[in-house]
Every structure is written in C-alpha cells, then in structure tokens.
Protein backbone atom coordinates (compact mmCIF):
# COMPACT_ATOMS: atom_id res chain seq x y z
CA MET A 1 131.68 102.36 124.58
CA ALA A 2 134.80 100.96 126.17
CA GLN A 3 136.86 98.41 124.26
CA GLN A 4 136.64 94.98 125.88
CA ALA A 5 139.75 92.90 126.72
CA GLY A 6 140.94 90.71 123.88
CA GLN A 7 139.09 92.76 121.28
CA SER A 8 140.66 95.07 118.71
CA SER A 9 138.93 98.23 117.59
CA VAL A 10 138.35 98.71 113.84
CA MET A 11 136.84 102.18 114.23
CA ARG A 12 138.59 105.50 114.68
CA GLU A 13 139.32 106.65 118.19
CA GLY A 14 136.43 108.66 119.61
CA SER A 15 133.81 106.76 117.62
CA GLN A 16 130.73 105.68 119.57
CA VAL A 17 129.20 102.19 119.52
CA THR A 18 125.88 101.42 121.18
CA ARG A 19 124.78 97.79 121.11
CA GLY A 20 121.85 95.47 121.63
CA LEU A 21 118.97 96.37 123.93
CA GLU A 22 120.54 99.72 124.78
CA ALA A 23 120.61 100.75 121.11
CA GLN A 24 117.05 99.55 120.61
CA THR A 25 115.85 101.46 123.67
CA TYR A 26 117.43 104.71 122.47
CA ASN A 27 115.83 104.29 119.04
CA ILE A 28 112.39 103.59 120.49
CA MET A 29 112.66 106.60 122.78
CA ALA A 30 113.57 108.78 119.79
CA ALA A 31 110.60 107.51 117.78
CA MET A 32 108.25 108.08 120.70
CA ALA A 33 109.58 111.62 121.08
CA VAL A 34 108.69 112.40 117.46
CA ALA A 35 105.23 110.89 117.88
CA GLY A 36 104.81 112.79 121.12
CA ALA A 37 105.51 116.07 119.33
CA VAL A 38 102.43 115.71 117.10
CA ILE A 39 99.97 113.50 118.99
CA SER A 40 98.29 116.47 120.69
CA THR A 41 97.35 117.86 117.23
CA LEU A 42 95.24 114.81 116.36
CA GLY A 43 91.50 115.15 115.87
CA PRO A 44 88.90 117.94 115.79
CA ARG A 45 89.96 119.21 119.20
CA GLY A 46 93.69 118.91 118.57
CA MET A 47 96.00 121.75 119.54
CA ASP A 48 98.25 123.87 117.31
CA LYS A 49 102.03 124.16 117.36
CA MET A 50 103.98 127.39 116.95
CA LEU A 51 107.10 126.83 114.89
CA VAL A 52 109.80 129.50 114.86
CA ASP A 53 112.64 129.10 112.37
CA GLY A 54 116.18 130.46 112.57
CA THR A 55 115.17 133.79 111.01
CA GLY A 56 112.30 134.31 113.43
CA ASP A 57 109.52 133.49 110.94
CA ILE A 58 106.50 131.95 112.65
CA THR A 59 104.24 129.15 111.46
CA VAL A 60 101.18 128.16 113.49
CA SER A 61 99.72 124.83 112.41
CA ASN A 62 98.45 121.45 113.55
CA ASP A 63 99.27 119.79 110.24
CA GLY A 64 101.59 116.88 111.04
CA ALA A 65 103.55 117.08 107.78
CA THR A 66 104.19 120.80 108.23
CA ILE A 67 105.30 120.41 111.85
CA LEU A 68 107.69 117.53 111.17
CA ARG A 69 109.10 119.16 108.05
CA ARG A 70 110.08 122.24 110.04
CA MET A 71 111.41 120.47 113.13
CA ASP A 72 115.20 120.35 113.42
CA ILE A 73 115.66 116.63 114.10
CA GLU A 74 119.11 115.05 114.56
CA HIS A 75 118.54 111.52 115.86
CA PRO A 76 118.91 108.94 113.03
CA ALA A 77 116.02 106.77 114.23
CA ALA A 78 113.83 109.86 114.62
CA LYS A 79 114.60 110.75 111.02
CA ILE A 80 113.26 107.36 109.95
CA ILE A 81 109.95 108.22 111.62
CA VAL A 82 109.91 111.59 109.88
CA GLU A 83 110.26 109.67 106.61
CA VAL A 84 106.93 108.02 107.48
CA ALA A 85 105.31 111.45 107.37
CA LYS A 86 106.96 112.26 104.05
CA THR A 87 105.82 108.96 102.51
CA GLN A 88 102.28 109.39 103.81
CA ASP A 89 102.16 112.97 102.55
CA SER A 90 103.49 112.13 99.08
CA GLU A 91 101.29 109.04 98.63
CA VAL A 92 98.05 110.27 100.19
CA GLY A 93 98.44 113.94 101.08
CA ASP A 94 96.91 113.52 104.54
CA GLY A 95 97.03 111.26 107.59
CA THR A 96 100.66 112.08 108.43
CA THR A 97 99.97 112.51 112.14
CA THR A 98 98.12 109.19 112.29
CA ALA A 99 101.01 107.38 110.57
CA VAL A 100 103.67 108.89 112.85
CA VAL A 101 101.70 108.29 116.05
CA LEU A 102 101.06 104.67 115.01
CA ALA A 103 104.76 104.14 114.26
CA GLY A 104 105.73 105.50 117.67
CA GLU A 105 103.18 103.33 119.47
CA LEU A 106 104.17 100.19 117.52
CA LEU A 107 107.74 100.70 118.69
CA ARG A 108 106.64 101.35 122.27
CA GLN A 109 104.70 98.09 122.25
CA ALA A 110 107.71 96.33 120.73
CA GLY A 111 109.85 97.66 123.57
CA ILE A 112 107.48 96.12 126.11
CA LEU A 113 107.77 92.76 124.33
CA SER A 114 111.57 93.02 124.25
CA GLU A 115 111.58 93.44 128.01
CA LYS A 116 109.68 90.15 128.16
CA SER A 117 112.52 88.52 126.14
CA VAL A 118 110.55 88.33 122.88
CA HIS A 119 113.11 88.47 120.07
CA GLN A 120 112.90 91.20 117.41
CA SER A 121 112.51 88.63 114.64
CA SER A 122 109.34 87.29 116.30
CA ILE A 123 108.01 90.81 116.79
CA ILE A 124 108.70 91.73 113.16
CA LYS A 125 107.10 88.55 111.85
CA GLY A 126 104.02 89.09 114.02
CA TYR A 127 103.75 92.73 112.91
CA LEU A 128 103.91 91.72 109.24
CA MET A 129 101.15 89.17 109.82
CA ALA A 130 99.10 91.83 111.61
CA VAL A 131 99.56 94.29 108.73
CA GLU A 132 98.34 91.77 106.18
CA LYS A 133 95.27 90.98 108.31
CA SER A 134 94.65 94.68 109.01
CA LEU A 135 94.57 95.56 105.30
CA GLU A 136 92.10 92.73 104.71
CA ILE A 137 89.84 94.00 107.53
CA VAL A 138 90.00 97.65 106.45
CA ARG A 139 89.18 96.83 102.82
CA GLY A 140 86.22 94.84 104.08
CA MET A 141 84.96 97.96 105.88
CA ALA A 142 85.17 100.16 102.77
CA VAL A 143 82.12 101.69 101.10
CA ASP A 144 81.88 102.46 97.37
CA ILE A 145 81.78 106.04 96.09
CA THR A 146 81.79 107.72 92.65
CA ASP A 147 82.53 111.20 91.34
CA LYS A 148 78.75 111.76 91.15
CA ASP A 149 78.30 111.52 94.95
CA THR A 150 78.75 115.26 95.44
CA ALA A 151 77.23 115.38 98.92
CA MET A 152 79.53 112.62 100.19
CA LEU A 153 82.55 114.21 98.51
CA LYS A 154 81.85 117.43 100.43
CA LYS A 155 81.79 115.40 103.65
CA ILE A 156 85.13 113.82 102.75
CA ALA A 157 86.61 117.28 102.17
CA GLY A 158 85.09 118.51 105.44
CA THR A 159 86.55 115.60 107.39
CA ALA A 160 90.03 116.29 105.95
CA MET A 161 89.81 119.93 107.10
CA THR A 162 88.32 119.21 110.52
CA GLY A 163 90.54 120.28 113.40
CA LYS A 164 92.53 122.72 111.32
CA ASP A 165 92.15 126.50 111.29
CA THR A 166 89.83 126.03 108.31
CA GLU A 167 87.15 124.83 110.76
CA ASN A 168 85.30 128.18 110.79
CA ALA A 169 84.93 128.11 107.00
CA LYS A 170 84.71 124.33 106.53
CA VAL A 171 81.31 124.30 104.80
CA PHE A 172 82.29 126.97 102.27
CA LEU A 173 85.75 125.51 101.61
CA SER A 174 84.39 121.94 101.27
CA ASP A 175 82.03 123.15 98.55
CA LEU A 176 84.89 125.06 96.93
CA VAL A 177 87.15 121.99 96.96
CA VAL A 178 84.52 119.75 95.32
CA LYS A 179 83.97 122.38 92.61
CA MET A 180 87.73 122.59 92.09
CA VAL A 181 87.91 118.83 91.69
CA ALA A 182 84.97 118.76 89.25
CA ALA A 183 86.59 121.54 87.19
CA THR A 184 90.00 119.83 86.91
CA MET A 185 89.04 116.13 86.58
CA GLU A 186 90.33 114.25 83.56
CA LYS A 187 89.93 110.69 82.26
CA ASP A 188 92.82 108.24 82.13
CA SER A 189 93.43 105.61 79.45
CA ASN A 190 91.05 103.22 81.24
CA GLY A 191 88.21 105.76 81.24
CA LYS A 192 88.48 106.41 84.99
CA TYR A 193 88.37 109.92 86.36
CA TYR A 194 91.34 111.39 88.19
CA VAL A 195 92.27 114.86 89.39
CA GLU A 196 95.29 116.44 87.70
CA ARG A 197 96.79 118.58 90.47
CA GLU A 198 98.92 120.51 87.96
CA ASN A 199 95.70 121.86 86.41
CA LEU A 200 95.06 123.94 89.51
CA ILE A 201 96.52 127.35 90.32
CA LEU A 202 95.99 128.67 93.85
CA GLU A 203 96.66 132.35 94.44
CA LYS A 204 96.46 133.71 98.00
CA LYS A 205 95.44 137.31 98.60
CA THR A 206 95.25 138.96 102.01
CA GLY A 207 92.25 141.16 102.70
CA GLY A 208 88.61 140.28 102.51
CA ASP A 209 86.74 137.28 103.86
CA VAL A 210 87.31 133.67 102.86
CA SER A 211 83.76 133.64 101.44
CA GLU A 212 85.02 136.04 98.74
CA SER A 213 87.29 133.29 97.38
CA GLU A 214 86.39 132.24 93.85
CA ILE A 215 87.20 129.82 91.05
CA ILE A 216 88.19 131.31 87.70
CA GLN A 217 88.44 129.21 84.57
CA GLY A 218 91.83 129.74 83.00
CA VAL A 219 95.40 130.48 84.01
CA LEU A 220 95.78 133.38 86.42
CA ILE A 221 99.31 134.75 86.70
CA ASP A 222 100.32 136.85 89.66
CA LYS A 223 102.18 139.42 87.56
CA GLY A 224 101.25 142.27 85.27
CA LYS A 225 102.50 143.03 81.77
CA VAL A 226 106.11 144.24 81.65
CA ASN A 227 105.39 147.52 79.83
CA PHE A 228 102.43 149.86 80.28
CA GLN A 229 102.31 150.51 76.49
CA MET A 230 101.50 146.88 75.82
CA PRO A 231 97.84 145.98 75.20
CA SER A 232 95.74 145.16 78.29
CA ARG A 233 93.18 142.98 76.53
CA LEU A 234 93.49 140.66 73.54
CA GLU A 235 91.00 138.19 72.04
CA LYS A 236 91.69 135.05 70.00
CA VAL A 237 95.46 135.44 69.95
CA LYS A 238 98.46 133.23 69.36
CA VAL A 239 100.59 132.53 72.45
CA LEU A 240 104.20 131.52 73.05
CA ALA A 241 105.16 129.86 76.36
CA MET A 242 108.95 130.02 76.61
CA GLU A 243 111.93 129.14 78.77
CA ILE A 244 114.17 131.56 76.92
CA GLY A 245 114.60 135.30 77.26
CA ILE A 246 114.24 138.05 74.66
CA GLU A 247 117.55 139.81 75.06
CA ALA A 248 121.01 140.09 73.55
CA LYS A 249 122.65 136.69 73.37
CA ASP A 250 125.50 136.14 75.80
CA THR A 251 128.87 135.01 74.48
CA GLN A 252 129.58 131.36 75.19
CA PHE A 253 132.98 132.15 76.68
CA ASP A 254 134.40 134.96 78.76
CA ALA A 255 135.46 137.64 76.32
CA GLU A 256 137.28 140.94 76.45
CA PHE A 257 136.42 143.72 74.02
CA LYS A 258 138.91 146.51 73.45
CA ILE A 259 137.41 149.78 72.23
CA ARG A 260 140.09 151.49 70.14
CA LYS A 261 137.93 154.04 68.27
CA PRO A 262 134.99 156.17 69.51
CA GLY A 263 132.54 154.57 67.08
CA GLN A 264 133.27 150.97 68.03
CA PHE A 265 131.23 151.03 71.24
CA LYS A 266 128.15 152.30 69.37
CA GLN A 267 128.73 149.64 66.72
CA PHE A 268 128.79 146.93 69.40
CA SER A 269 125.64 148.37 71.02
CA ASP A 270 123.87 148.50 67.64
CA MET A 271 124.67 144.80 67.09
CA GLU A 272 122.97 143.92 70.38
CA ASP A 273 119.95 146.04 69.46
CA GLU A 274 119.69 144.29 66.10
CA GLN A 275 119.77 140.90 67.84
CA ILE A 276 116.89 141.91 70.10
CA LYS A 277 114.87 143.43 67.23
CA ALA A 278 115.40 140.29 65.14
CA GLN A 279 113.97 138.13 67.93
CA VAL A 280 110.87 140.34 68.30
CA ASP A 281 110.42 140.46 64.50
CA LYS A 282 110.53 136.66 64.36
CA ILE A 283 107.83 136.42 67.04
CA ALA A 284 105.72 139.04 65.23
CA ARG A 285 106.03 137.20 61.89
CA LEU A 286 104.61 134.08 63.56
CA GLY A 287 101.50 136.11 64.37
CA VAL A 288 102.10 135.77 68.12
CA LYS A 289 100.49 138.46 70.29
CA ALA A 290 101.35 137.15 73.79
CA VAL A 291 104.65 135.94 75.23
CA PHE A 292 105.03 134.22 78.62
CA THR A 293 108.59 133.41 79.65
CA THR A 294 110.53 132.24 82.69
CA LYS A 295 113.47 134.44 81.61
CA ALA A 296 114.05 138.14 81.03
CA ILE A 297 112.57 140.50 78.44
CA ASP A 298 115.02 143.30 77.63
CA ASP A 299 113.82 146.92 77.91
CA LEU A 300 114.39 147.44 74.20
CA ALA A 301 112.50 144.22 73.44
CA GLN A 302 109.58 145.56 75.49
CA HIS A 303 109.55 148.68 73.33
CA TYR A 304 109.49 146.69 70.07
CA MET A 305 106.86 144.31 71.43
CA ALA A 306 104.60 147.19 72.50
CA LYS A 307 104.90 148.72 69.00
CA ALA A 308 103.90 145.35 67.50
CA GLY A 309 100.91 145.03 69.88
CA ILE A 310 102.43 142.08 71.76
CA ILE A 311 101.87 141.62 75.49
CA GLY A 312 104.77 140.10 77.44
CA LEU A 313 105.21 138.63 80.92
CA ARG A 314 108.69 137.78 82.20
CA ARG A 315 110.44 135.89 85.03
CA LEU A 316 107.44 133.66 85.62
CA LYS A 317 107.41 130.39 87.52
CA THR A 318 108.08 127.40 85.28
CA SER A 319 104.84 125.81 86.51
CA ASP A 320 102.83 128.85 85.35
CA VAL A 321 104.43 128.85 81.90
CA LYS A 322 103.81 125.11 81.52
CA ARG A 323 100.16 125.65 82.43
CA VAL A 324 99.86 128.40 79.80
CA ALA A 325 101.28 126.01 77.20
CA LYS A 326 98.93 123.20 78.25
CA ALA A 327 95.87 125.45 78.47
CA THR A 328 96.41 127.02 75.06
CA GLY A 329 97.44 123.80 73.31
CA GLY A 330 101.01 124.89 72.65
CA SER A 331 104.45 123.65 73.66
CA LEU A 332 107.14 124.92 76.02
CA ILE A 333 109.63 126.69 73.75
CA THR A 334 113.36 126.47 74.48
CA ASN A 335 114.61 127.85 71.15
CA LEU A 336 113.07 130.43 68.78
CA ASP A 337 114.54 128.66 65.75
CA GLY A 338 112.39 125.99 64.18
CA ILE A 339 109.09 126.89 65.86
CA THR A 340 106.10 125.27 64.11
CA GLU A 341 102.38 125.99 64.32
CA LYS A 342 102.02 123.08 66.72
CA ASP A 343 104.24 124.89 69.21
CA ILE A 344 102.03 127.98 69.24
CA GLY A 345 99.01 128.07 71.56
CA ILE A 346 95.70 129.84 71.08
CA ALA A 347 94.05 131.85 73.87
CA GLY A 348 90.45 133.00 73.61
CA LEU A 349 91.05 135.94 75.90
CA ILE A 350 94.05 137.52 77.61
CA GLU A 351 93.37 140.43 79.91
CA GLU A 352 94.99 142.30 82.75
CA VAL A 353 92.76 142.20 85.83
CA LYS A 354 92.98 143.71 89.29
CA ILE A 355 92.71 141.32 92.24
CA GLY A 356 92.75 143.24 95.49
CA LYS A 357 95.56 145.75 95.04
CA ASP A 358 97.55 143.70 92.54
CA GLU A 359 97.60 143.65 88.76
CA MET A 360 97.39 140.11 87.38
CA VAL A 361 96.99 138.56 83.94
CA LEU A 362 94.25 136.03 83.15
CA VAL A 363 94.48 133.66 80.17
CA SER A 364 90.98 132.27 79.63
CA LYS A 365 88.58 130.74 77.06
CA ASN A 366 91.31 128.26 76.23
CA LYS A 367 91.47 125.03 74.26
CA ASN A 368 92.00 123.09 77.51
CA SER A 369 89.22 124.19 79.85
CA LYS A 370 90.32 121.84 82.66
CA ILE A 371 92.91 124.29 83.95
CA VAL A 372 91.46 126.61 86.57
CA SER A 373 92.65 129.23 89.04
CA VAL A 374 91.45 129.86 92.57
CA ILE A 375 91.66 133.18 94.36
CA LEU A 376 91.86 132.42 98.08
CA ARG A 377 91.05 135.34 100.37
CA GLY A 378 91.85 135.68 104.07
CA THR A 379 92.55 138.28 106.73
CA THR A 380 96.24 137.45 107.31
CA SER A 381 99.02 135.55 105.60
CA HIS A 382 99.14 133.01 108.48
CA ILE A 383 95.42 132.26 108.08
CA LEU A 384 95.83 131.98 104.31
CA ASP A 385 98.69 129.50 104.73
CA GLU A 386 96.52 127.36 106.99
CA TYR A 387 93.60 127.58 104.57
CA GLU A 388 95.94 126.43 101.81
CA ARG A 389 97.11 123.43 103.86
CA GLY A 390 93.52 122.51 104.68
CA ILE A 391 92.46 122.79 101.04
CA ASP A 392 95.45 120.71 99.96
CA ASP A 393 94.51 117.94 102.41
CA ALA A 394 90.88 118.06 101.27
CA LEU A 395 91.86 117.97 97.59
CA HIS A 396 93.97 114.87 98.15
CA ALA A 397 91.19 113.23 100.16
CA VAL A 398 88.56 113.84 97.47
CA GLN A 399 90.98 112.90 94.69
CA ASN A 400 91.95 109.60 96.34
CA SER A 401 88.32 108.77 97.08
CA ILE A 402 87.35 109.26 93.44
CA LYS A 403 90.40 107.43 92.11
CA ASP A 404 89.99 104.37 94.34
CA GLY A 405 86.20 104.55 94.60
CA LYS A 406 86.39 103.54 98.28
CA ILE A 407 85.94 105.34 101.61
CA VAL A 408 85.83 104.27 105.27
CA ALA A 409 84.35 105.66 108.46
CA GLY A 410 86.46 108.21 110.35
CA GLY A 411 86.62 109.11 114.03
CA ALA A 412 88.93 106.15 114.82
CA ALA A 413 86.23 103.65 113.83
CA VAL A 414 88.78 101.74 111.73
CA GLU A 415 91.41 101.60 114.49
CA THR A 416 88.87 100.43 117.07
CA GLU A 417 87.63 97.68 114.78
CA LEU A 418 91.20 96.59 114.05
CA SER A 419 92.00 96.46 117.75
CA LEU A 420 89.16 93.98 118.36
CA ARG A 421 89.52 91.91 115.21
CA LEU A 422 93.31 91.55 115.50
CA ARG A 423 92.94 90.16 119.02
CA GLN A 424 90.56 87.54 117.64
CA TYR A 425 93.06 86.78 114.90
CA ALA A 426 95.94 86.53 117.40
CA SER A 427 94.14 83.73 119.25
CA THR A 428 94.43 81.59 116.10
CA VAL A 429 98.22 82.09 115.81
CA LYS A 430 100.77 79.96 117.64
CA GLY A 431 104.13 80.99 119.02
CA ARG A 432 105.44 84.34 120.12
CA GLU A 433 104.07 85.96 116.99
CA GLN A 434 100.72 85.85 118.82
CA MET A 435 102.09 88.33 121.35
CA ALA A 436 103.31 90.62 118.57
CA ILE A 437 99.88 90.63 116.89
CA GLU A 438 98.28 91.47 120.23
CA ALA A 439 100.82 94.29 120.64
CA PHE A 440 99.85 95.54 117.16
CA ALA A 441 96.20 95.50 118.28
CA ASN A 442 97.14 97.47 121.40
CA ALA A 443 98.93 100.04 119.24
CA MET A 444 95.77 100.68 117.22
CA GLU A 445 94.08 102.00 120.35
CA VAL A 446 96.46 104.96 120.53
CA ILE A 447 94.37 106.80 117.91
CA PRO A 448 90.95 106.72 119.66
CA LYS A 449 92.66 107.38 123.00
CA ALA A 450 94.43 110.43 121.55
CA LEU A 451 91.17 111.77 120.11
CA ALA A 452 89.56 111.42 123.54
CA THR A 453 92.49 112.95 125.44
CA ASN A 454 92.75 115.94 123.08
CA ALA A 455 89.02 116.59 123.57
CA GLY A 456 89.30 116.48 127.37
CA LEU A 457 87.46 113.15 127.59
CA SER A 458 88.44 110.04 129.52
CA PRO A 459 90.34 107.75 127.12
CA LEU A 460 89.47 104.70 129.23
CA ASP A 461 85.74 105.44 129.28
CA MET A 462 85.68 106.23 125.57
CA MET A 463 87.53 103.01 124.68
CA ILE A 464 85.06 100.95 126.70
CA ALA A 465 82.13 102.69 124.98
CA LEU A 466 83.66 102.20 121.52
CA LYS A 467 84.46 98.53 122.10
CA THR A 468 80.91 97.95 123.35
CA LYS A 469 79.50 99.39 120.12
CA HIS A 470 81.95 97.45 117.94
CA GLY A 471 80.99 94.27 119.76
CA ASN A 472 77.52 94.57 118.19
CA LYS A 473 76.69 93.19 114.77
CA ASP A 474 76.38 96.56 113.02
CA GLY A 475 78.85 98.52 115.12
CA LYS A 476 81.99 98.49 112.95
CA ASN A 477 81.48 102.08 111.73
CA PHE A 478 81.13 103.63 115.18
CA GLY A 479 83.79 106.22 115.95
CA LEU A 480 84.28 108.84 118.63
CA ASP A 481 82.23 112.03 118.34
CA VAL A 482 84.38 114.34 120.45
CA TYR A 483 81.70 117.05 120.49
CA GLN A 484 79.06 114.79 122.03
CA GLY A 485 81.57 112.69 123.96
CA LYS A 486 80.14 109.37 122.79
CA PRO A 487 80.41 106.79 119.96
CA VAL A 488 78.46 107.64 116.79
CA ASP A 489 77.98 105.85 113.44
CA MET A 490 80.48 107.87 111.44
CA LEU A 491 79.11 106.93 108.02
CA LYS A 492 75.71 108.32 108.98
CA ALA A 493 77.35 111.35 110.61
CA GLY A 494 79.29 112.07 107.42
CA VAL A 495 82.74 111.70 109.00
CA VAL A 496 84.47 109.74 106.26
CA GLU A 497 87.98 109.31 104.90
CA PRO A 498 89.59 107.74 101.81
CA LEU A 499 90.40 104.05 102.13
CA ARG A 500 93.93 104.76 100.94
CA LEU A 501 94.58 107.08 103.89
CA LYS A 502 94.14 104.22 106.35
CA THR A 503 95.89 101.49 104.36
CA GLN A 504 98.90 103.70 103.64
CA ALA A 505 99.15 104.85 107.29
CA ILE A 506 99.18 101.24 108.51
CA GLN A 507 101.77 100.19 105.93
CA SER A 508 104.03 103.23 106.41
CA ALA A 509 103.94 103.02 110.21
CA SER A 510 104.66 99.28 110.32
CA GLU A 511 107.48 99.53 107.76
CA ALA A 512 109.19 102.27 109.77
CA ALA A 513 108.72 100.34 113.02
CA THR A 514 110.19 97.12 111.62
CA MET A 515 113.09 99.05 110.10
CA VAL A 516 113.97 100.51 113.51
CA LEU A 517 113.51 97.12 115.21
CA ARG A 518 116.06 95.52 112.87
CA ILE A 519 118.78 97.86 114.17
CA ASP A 520 120.85 96.22 116.91
CA ASP A 521 123.97 98.42 116.80
CA ILE A 522 124.51 102.15 116.40
CA LEU A 523 127.95 102.99 115.03
CA ALA A 524 128.62 106.73 115.16
CA ALA A 525 131.73 108.31 113.66
CA SER A 526 133.85 110.53 115.88
CA ALA A 527 132.71 113.67 114.04
CA VAL A 528 129.06 112.88 114.80
CA ARG A 529 127.47 113.39 118.19
CA ASN A 530 126.48 110.09 119.80
CA PRO A 531 122.86 109.48 118.76
CA ALA A 532 122.32 107.69 122.07
CA GLY A 533 122.71 111.05 123.77
CA GLY A 534 120.07 112.72 121.60
CA MET A 535 116.44 113.42 122.27
C-alpha cells in the first residue's frame, strides 16, 4: 500500500498493509474459500475429496477434519477457520464440516451487513446475543439418553458414520462401536459413566471382509516375540512394562578406548556381556516372565531371556506399553533399580497369535478387563483408513451422548429450528444488533441447503417444506431426509446426534467469525507474501 503524504512509515520497505473494508473483504473471501472446500462433503449424499500429498500418497475422504488437516493453507484468516475444525475435532470428535461451513456463512452474512454500513462492533454484539439464544433453544430441544439405551446408541453411531465410506457396513459397525463403548466404559468420581479412549486398541488388517472384524478382551500388540526360542504361551505370569532397554549401558560422555594388548578388547566385550546378563538376572529374580519395552533388547539379552523362559517384545509404541501396565495392574518402569511388587503387573494369559499373515501377541485375562482390542478387517488400506475415521467419529458421538445424557435430532432439524426462532427473537431486539441476529439466522440455513444441494434436491423447495413443518406445534424435530426428498421427524427416524456436537459447532463457528471480524488491518512483513493476494 502506498505511503500517503505527510505520513511516515514505521515498517520495513516492501512490507504490505491492507486496511479497513478491503482487509475485511479479503479475510471473508478466505474463510468462504475454506468452507467452500468442504461444503460438498456434508450429509449422507456428500461427495469425497482426493488429497494428494507432496510424496504422492493419496487419501480419499469426506471427513472435514481430515481434509482440512491435509490442505496446504497459507492465508492467515483461512488458518483461523481451520482452527475451528481442530477445536471441534478435539472437543467433540465430529461435526467439523458443520462448524467450518457455519463459520464461513456467518462471515459472508457479516460482509453483506458491512456493505450496508453496519459496523463490526454491532455485528459482533448481535452474533454474541444470537449464540446465547441459540444455545438456549438447542438445549430445549434435547432429549435424555442413558448408557442403557442400546438401540438409540446404535442409531447415534450410525448417524455419525452416515455419508462416509462406512455406509455399506454401517449396521455392523454401529453394533461394533456400541459393544466397544460398553467394554471400555468406566465410572468417574461422581459415579457417572464415561468412555476411556485410551482403553481401546484398534488394529487394522487388510484382507477379509469388514464383517470379520472382532473385539478381543485384552491388549493386542502388533509385534511378535523377539526370539523364536522364547515361550509362545504363558499363564498367570508377572509382567514388566518398561521404557528402558536391556542392553549394555552407554557411557554418559563421548569416550575413546585405546586397545594396547590383544586381550583388552575381549575384556571390554566381556564387561558389556556381564552388564546385559546382570539385567536379565535381576528381571528373572523378580519372577518376571514377560517384558514389554519401548526400547531395544540386545541379541545376547534375548538369548539369556529365552534360557530363563522369559518372553520379550521390543521397540513398542509407548501407548501399547502403557496399556500393558494399566491392564496388568503394574507401573511403567524407567529404571530397573528399586522395582517393587507394586510395579510388577500380572497377566492371566500371554500368547502369540496369528492375525491374517502377521504374528501378534495378546495379553489377556488381566486385572483390568476394561482394556480391549479391535481387529478391523477391510479389502484395502484406503478403505480401512476410512473405516477407522468413521468408527472414531461414532465412538466420540456415543461417548459424548452417554457423558452428557443428551441428544438432538439430526438432518438439519436443529439449524432449521434456530433459523425460525432467532428471527422471532430478533424482532424483540432494538438497534442494528437486530440485523446481526437476523444474519445469524440466515447463516443457519446454509446447513439444510447444503444437504439438499448435495443430494441433488432443490434447496429452496426443501427450505420451504422444512419451515412449514417447523411452523407446526410438534415440528421442531423435522429434518431433511435426502433419500425421500422430504422433511421427516428425525427422532422417530433414528437420525440423532449428541447435543454437544451442535452446541460446540455453534460456539466454535461464532468465535472464529467474530475473531476475523475484529481484524481491520493486515500488516505483512516483507518476507511474507501479501495475504491479500492469497486464495
């Protein structure tokens, strides 16, 4: 931007400054571009995106969080919108596309108001008022649910997976998800049930049909024993879960050893061997028969362990070792010195099993029976990845429903109801905030319109039909059935979602929109490409 007469520049030459309405317009366009990238994935008839990274690896998905995470986005305002997806994904685990699309539409509506000379402060204030009212309305629409409502929980899982590549196996996977939740649920200090996600191990194996997937009680580790001479099956054994290796100890400092006599090298080698043998002897004296470690197990250590009847697994994921410790009632060991009985776990059964073509080790019949493993089968790795994403969304949906004890109708029933009720609320508000609340109500309609568009239906006709139903006394739960092309009572149809999904999407989208609206200048350093020229 050119320096005006009478003004002195305080920024380095070549820096870019974009001000006022121009800056706001660029930011809104960037946000809309992000929303536009995922809006076609929304709903049961949403389309997939093919993502190709710099190495040529391909991901095919319609999961909003996955798409946005892999997109190479530069524009600063666009990155703020991507943060909406991250927040939604971390807090709820689903609804990322809804949150991003809402954020983009809220900013588009704000841009229309700005062109009518409505100041950002009035828009922001009106949006905040609309959010507060929206949360009140949505909570009033919620229906109670408990962990005993198995049939409804399956419908929640099915709704979360609808529109993804899990669609063909939705019934089977919904049942699997509810069983997974039941197997891993724990009680908190207040006596309420919650799902501990760390209690669940998901192993994907190509080959076979998804219907061959199964739940196994215990910790399944995708590695075999390190030495074929080690035992393949052990019952009622002591277990060590470690973050240390069984090998010669490294010197703390760089050292140089000078071999002056032929026997000195053998002497040095014998010292290392003694160190390794001493470590194995210590483990054997503790009565331990199974060692799981994130570090290495030396070849010589493997030999001594096999002679002592100890099974060992090395270079494991930290999460797997922690699960072994939790399942067997032990602790994660970081030092062999000072180990007590409390640190040692007890496993009812450890056995090497063959899953598909791979040797794996199963630790079962444990003290903590709430840790389970799932073998997920599928024809290709791409299909398995999509199954995993669908299961993850469904797990979060069921978990949040149980934790909060509240669900709402899906199929854009909530957004349609908000659109109508917020307009009624706006009529009671004075000043320009009224226009902002009406704009917020308009933005809510982007969700049902997107569902209709993605299904090849007329968004205008569908909105009229939905509003007609919601105008009736008992019509608040009517959403769009894209298969029949008409409004349907979504609670009766079993299309339901966690309350938290909707409340978080509304909050995340509005917070991102107001953050972008507060920006009136873009100051870009000379080394950075002008964000106004992006997207």
